[in-house]
C-alpha atoms as a PDB file:
ATOM      1  CA  MET A   1       0.000   0.000   0.000  1.00  0.00           C
ATOM      2  CA  ASP A   2       1.451   3.401  -0.925  1.00  0.00           C
ATOM      3  CA  LEU A   3       1.660   6.376   1.438  1.00  0.00           C
ATOM      4  CA  ASP A   4      -1.085   8.336  -0.353  1.00  0.00           C
ATOM      5  CA  ALA A   5      -3.483   5.451   0.220  1.00  0.00           C
ATOM      6  CA  ILE A   6      -2.535   5.267   3.902  1.00  0.00           C
ATOM      7  CA  TYR A   7      -3.016   9.026   4.279  1.00  0.00           C
ATOM      8  CA  THR A   8      -6.385   8.898   2.526  1.00  0.00           C
ATOM      9  CA  GLU A   9      -7.463   5.979   4.718  1.00  0.00           C
ATOM     10  CA  LEU A  10      -6.417   7.832   7.882  1.00  0.00           C
ATOM     11  CA  ILE A  11      -8.322  10.969   6.848  1.00  0.00           C
ATOM     12  CA  MET A  12     -11.442   8.952   6.055  1.00  0.00           C
ATOM     13  CA  GLU A  13     -11.182   7.017   9.322  1.00  0.00           C
ATOM     14  CA  HIS A  14     -10.992  10.219  11.368  1.00  0.00           C
ATOM     15  CA  SER A  15     -13.674  12.028   9.374  1.00  0.00           C
ATOM     16  CA  THR A  16     -16.242   9.281   9.954  1.00  0.00           C
ATOM     17  CA  SER A  17     -15.292   8.275  13.507  1.00  0.00           C
ATOM     18  CA  LYS A  18     -17.725   9.240  16.265  1.00  0.00           C
ATOM     19  CA  ARG A  19     -15.334   8.812  19.221  1.00  0.00           C
ATOM     20  CA  ASN A  20     -14.429  12.530  19.299  1.00  0.00           C
ATOM     21  CA  LYS A  21     -17.727  13.806  17.878  1.00  0.00           C
ATOM     22  CA  ARG A  22     -19.841  14.094  21.002  1.00  0.00           C
ATOM     23  CA  GLU A  23     -20.737  16.472  23.797  1.00  0.00           C
ATOM     24  CA  ILE A  24     -18.923  16.796  27.121  1.00  0.00           C
ATOM     25  CA  ASP A  25     -20.886  17.066  30.371  1.00  0.00           C
ATOM     26  CA  ASN A  26     -20.196  20.462  31.945  1.00  0.00           C
ATOM     27  CA  PRO A  27     -17.307  21.628  29.731  1.00  0.00           C
ATOM     28  CA  ASP A  28     -15.124  24.414  31.090  1.00  0.00           C
ATOM     29  CA  ILE A  29     -15.295  26.182  27.763  1.00  0.00           C
ATOM     30  CA  SER A  30     -17.220  25.876  24.535  1.00  0.00           C
ATOM     31  CA  GLU A  31     -16.159  27.695  21.385  1.00  0.00           C
ATOM     32  CA  LYS A  32     -17.821  27.814  17.973  1.00  0.00           C
ATOM     33  CA  GLY A  33     -15.830  27.838  14.780  1.00  0.00           C
ATOM     34  CA  HIS A  34     -17.195  28.600  11.326  1.00  0.00           C
ATOM     35  CA  ASN A  35     -15.700  28.582   7.854  1.00  0.00           C
ATOM     36  CA  PRO A  36     -17.966  30.822   5.779  1.00  0.00           C
ATOM     37  CA  SER A  37     -16.229  29.896   2.508  1.00  0.00           C
ATOM     38  CA  CYS A  38     -17.547  26.316   2.616  1.00  0.00           C
ATOM     39  CA  GLY A  39     -20.009  26.177   5.505  1.00  0.00           C
ATOM     40  CA  ASP A  40     -18.001  24.011   7.932  1.00  0.00           C
ATOM     41  CA  GLU A  41     -19.189  24.573  11.502  1.00  0.00           C
ATOM     42  CA  ILE A  42     -17.892  23.070  14.721  1.00  0.00           C
ATOM     43  CA  GLU A  43     -18.416  23.567  18.403  1.00  0.00           C
ATOM     44  CA  LEU A  44     -15.395  22.608  20.435  1.00  0.00           C
ATOM     45  CA  GLU A  45     -15.869  21.695  24.098  1.00  0.00           C
ATOM     46  CA  ILE A  46     -12.963  21.453  26.515  1.00  0.00           C
ATOM     47  CA  LYS A  47     -12.694  20.216  30.084  1.00  0.00           C
ATOM     48  CA  PHE A  48      -9.532  21.100  31.978  1.00  0.00           C
ATOM     49  CA  ASN A  49      -7.967  19.547  35.037  1.00  0.00           C
ATOM     50  CA  GLY A  50      -5.930  22.506  36.207  1.00  0.00           C
ATOM     51  CA  ASP A  51      -3.691  23.332  33.258  1.00  0.00           C
ATOM     52  CA  ILE A  52      -4.207  19.979  31.500  1.00  0.00           C
ATOM     53  CA  VAL A  53      -6.676  19.267  28.692  1.00  0.00           C
ATOM     54  CA  GLU A  54      -8.593  16.455  30.364  1.00  0.00           C
ATOM     55  CA  ASP A  55     -11.277  16.008  27.713  1.00  0.00           C
ATOM     56  CA  LEU A  56     -11.976  17.541  24.353  1.00  0.00           C
ATOM     57  CA  ALA A  57     -14.806  16.852  21.933  1.00  0.00           C
ATOM     58  CA  PHE A  58     -16.720  18.480  19.099  1.00  0.00           C
ATOM     59  CA  THR A  59     -20.070  18.632  17.399  1.00  0.00           C
ATOM     60  CA  GLY A  60     -20.938  20.123  14.041  1.00  0.00           C
ATOM     61  CA  ASP A  61     -20.792  19.434  10.356  1.00  0.00           C
ATOM     62  CA  GLY A  62     -18.301  19.901   7.599  1.00  0.00           C
ATOM     63  CA  CYS A  63     -16.244  18.308   4.895  1.00  0.00           C
ATOM     64  CA  ALA A  64     -14.039  15.263   5.458  1.00  0.00           C
ATOM     65  CA  ILE A  65     -10.934  17.448   5.855  1.00  0.00           C
ATOM     66  CA  SER A  66     -12.390  19.660   8.606  1.00  0.00           C
ATOM     67  CA  GLN A  67     -13.888  16.698  10.463  1.00  0.00           C
ATOM     68  CA  ALA A  68     -10.687  14.635  10.199  1.00  0.00           C
ATOM     69  CA  SER A  69      -8.487  17.558  11.233  1.00  0.00           C
ATOM     70  CA  THR A  70     -10.675  18.197  14.280  1.00  0.00           C
ATOM     71  CA  SER A  71     -10.630  14.533  15.318  1.00  0.00           C
ATOM     72  CA  MET A  72      -6.852  14.291  14.876  1.00  0.00           C
ATOM     73  CA  MET A  73      -6.386  17.454  16.925  1.00  0.00           C
ATOM     74  CA  ILE A  74      -8.515  16.046  19.748  1.00  0.00           C
ATOM     75  CA  ASP A  75      -6.550  12.771  19.847  1.00  0.00           C
ATOM     76  CA  LEU A  76      -3.299  14.735  19.934  1.00  0.00           C
ATOM     77  CA  LEU A  77      -4.238  17.247  22.632  1.00  0.00           C
ATOM     78  CA  LYS A  78      -5.830  15.110  25.356  1.00  0.00           C
ATOM     79  CA  GLY A  79      -3.525  15.067  28.348  1.00  0.00           C
ATOM     80  CA  LYS A  80      -1.455  18.022  27.144  1.00  0.00           C
ATOM     81  CA  SER A  81      -1.012  21.309  29.002  1.00  0.00           C
ATOM     82  CA  LYS A  82      -2.571  24.485  27.617  1.00  0.00           C
ATOM     83  CA  LYS A  83       0.894  25.666  26.605  1.00  0.00           C
ATOM     84  CA  GLU A  84       1.624  22.393  24.787  1.00  0.00           C
ATOM     85  CA  ALA A  85      -1.780  22.530  23.080  1.00  0.00           C
ATOM     86  CA  LEU A  86      -1.142  26.072  21.839  1.00  0.00           C
ATOM     87  CA  ASN A  87       2.343  25.092  20.643  1.00  0.00           C
ATOM     88  CA  LEU A  88       0.923  22.132  18.707  1.00  0.00           C
ATOM     89  CA  ALA A  89      -1.781  24.365  17.198  1.00  0.00           C
ATOM     90  CA  ASP A  90       0.866  26.864  16.099  1.00  0.00           C
ATOM     91  CA  THR A  91       2.965  24.062  14.597  1.00  0.00           C
ATOM     92  CA  PHE A  92      -0.039  22.678  12.689  1.00  0.00           C
ATOM     93  CA  ILE A  93      -1.000  26.090  11.314  1.00  0.00           C
ATOM     94  CA  LYS A  94       2.618  26.784  10.316  1.00  0.00           C
ATOM     95  CA  MET A  95       2.708  23.404   8.559  1.00  0.00           C
ATOM     96  CA  ILE A  96      -0.394  24.267   6.541  1.00  0.00           C
ATOM     97  CA  LYS A  97       1.035  27.714   5.690  1.00  0.00           C
ATOM     98  CA  ARG A  98       4.332  26.024   4.694  1.00  0.00           C
ATOM     99  CA  ASP A  99       6.246  27.989   7.327  1.00  0.00           C
ATOM    100  CA  ILE A 100       7.467  24.615   8.647  1.00  0.00           C
ATOM    101  CA  ILE A 101       8.162  21.982   6.014  1.00  0.00           C
ATOM    102  CA  GLU A 102      10.739  19.707   7.639  1.00  0.00           C
ATOM    103  CA  ASP A 103       9.158  16.369   8.539  1.00  0.00           C
ATOM    104  CA  GLU A 104      11.327  15.975  11.651  1.00  0.00           C
ATOM    105  CA  LYS A 105       9.813  19.183  13.089  1.00  0.00           C
ATOM    106  CA  LEU A 106       6.303  17.972  12.257  1.00  0.00           C
ATOM    107  CA  LEU A 107       6.511  14.544  13.892  1.00  0.00           C
ATOM    108  CA  ILE A 108       5.058  16.053  17.100  1.00  0.00           C
ATOM    109  CA  LEU A 109       1.751  16.379  15.207  1.00  0.00           C
ATOM    110  CA  GLU A 110       1.405  12.576  14.971  1.00  0.00           C
ATOM    111  CA  ASP A 111      -1.587  11.653  12.710  1.00  0.00           C
ATOM    112  CA  ALA A 112      -2.295  15.328  11.927  1.00  0.00           C
ATOM    113  CA  MET A 113       0.952  15.408   9.968  1.00  0.00           C
ATOM    114  CA  VAL A 114      -0.836  13.580   7.135  1.00  0.00           C
ATOM    115  CA  LEU A 115      -2.670  16.836   6.384  1.00  0.00           C
ATOM    116  CA  LYS A 116       0.604  18.489   5.341  1.00  0.00           C
ATOM    117  CA  ASN A 117      -0.264  18.377   1.632  1.00  0.00           C
ATOM    118  CA  ILE A 118      -3.473  20.337   2.204  1.00  0.00           C
ATOM    119  CA  SER A 119      -1.206  23.362   1.779  1.00  0.00           C
ATOM    120  CA  ASN A 120      -1.206  22.480  -1.943  1.00  0.00           C
ATOM    121  CA  MET A 121      -5.014  22.853  -2.053  1.00  0.00           C
ATOM    122  CA  PRO A 122      -5.802  26.510  -1.201  1.00  0.00           C
ATOM    123  CA  ALA A 123      -9.559  25.894  -1.105  1.00  0.00           C
ATOM    124  CA  ARG A 124      -9.068  23.298   1.666  1.00  0.00           C
ATOM    125  CA  VAL A 125      -6.645  25.227   3.902  1.00  0.00           C
ATOM    126  CA  LYS A 126      -9.434  26.899   5.917  1.00  0.00           C
ATOM    127  CA  CYS A 127     -11.095  23.515   6.373  1.00  0.00           C
ATOM    128  CA  ALA A 128      -7.927  22.016   7.841  1.00  0.00           C
ATOM    129  CA  VAL A 129      -7.176  24.890  10.248  1.00  0.00           C
ATOM    130  CA  LEU A 130     -10.723  25.570  11.488  1.00  0.00           C
ATOM    131  CA  ALA A 131     -10.495  23.451  14.651  1.00  0.00           C
ATOM    132  CA  TRP A 132      -6.965  24.604  15.443  1.00  0.00           C
ATOM    133  CA  HIS A 133      -7.933  28.293  15.263  1.00  0.00           C
ATOM    134  CA  THR A 134     -11.059  27.546  17.310  1.00  0.00           C
ATOM    135  CA  LEU A 135      -8.914  25.845  19.948  1.00  0.00           C
ATOM    136  CA  LYS A 136      -6.606  28.869  20.188  1.00  0.00           C
ATOM    137  CA  GLU A 137      -9.596  31.210  20.575  1.00  0.00           C
ATOM    138  CA  ALA A 138     -11.084  28.979  23.276  1.00  0.00           C
ATOM    139  CA  ILE A 139      -7.886  28.810  25.333  1.00  0.00           C
ATOM    140  CA  ASP A 140      -7.290  32.552  24.925  1.00  0.00           C
ATOM    141  CA  LYS A 141     -10.801  33.298  26.222  1.00  0.00           C
ATOM    142  CA  GLU A 142     -10.437  30.816  29.072  1.00  0.00           C
ATOM    143  CA  GLU A 143      -7.183  32.401  30.224  1.00  0.00           C
ATOM    144  CA  ASN A 144      -8.478  35.983  30.034  1.00  0.00           C
END
């Protein structure tokens, strides 16, 4: 099986999985994200244990890229500190903008690294970064 097939399979698996697409009882913060160019909408819910992301989930609708990116982000961020979560979000966004292109610097993104080539599809960039921007807004609001 070639890498493109593996990447496609991983994106489809995450975009259709329901494990991260749910509501959290009594989240500490809830933040809505919307991509007006294609209609993707998510609501991200986060529960913290002190400074640690204890639980993270989302509801909403969108294309396979936005849903997969959100699910991958959730898998990556559970158990991380707010600072680590923001650093990972910055790394992901820089990957999509091609500010970071070296694979060894992107390995920290785990499964989300498969979305690297979205940067070659300008119409899909906003889909891929929607959840990551929403996360940053949520943590910024929670800290202020």
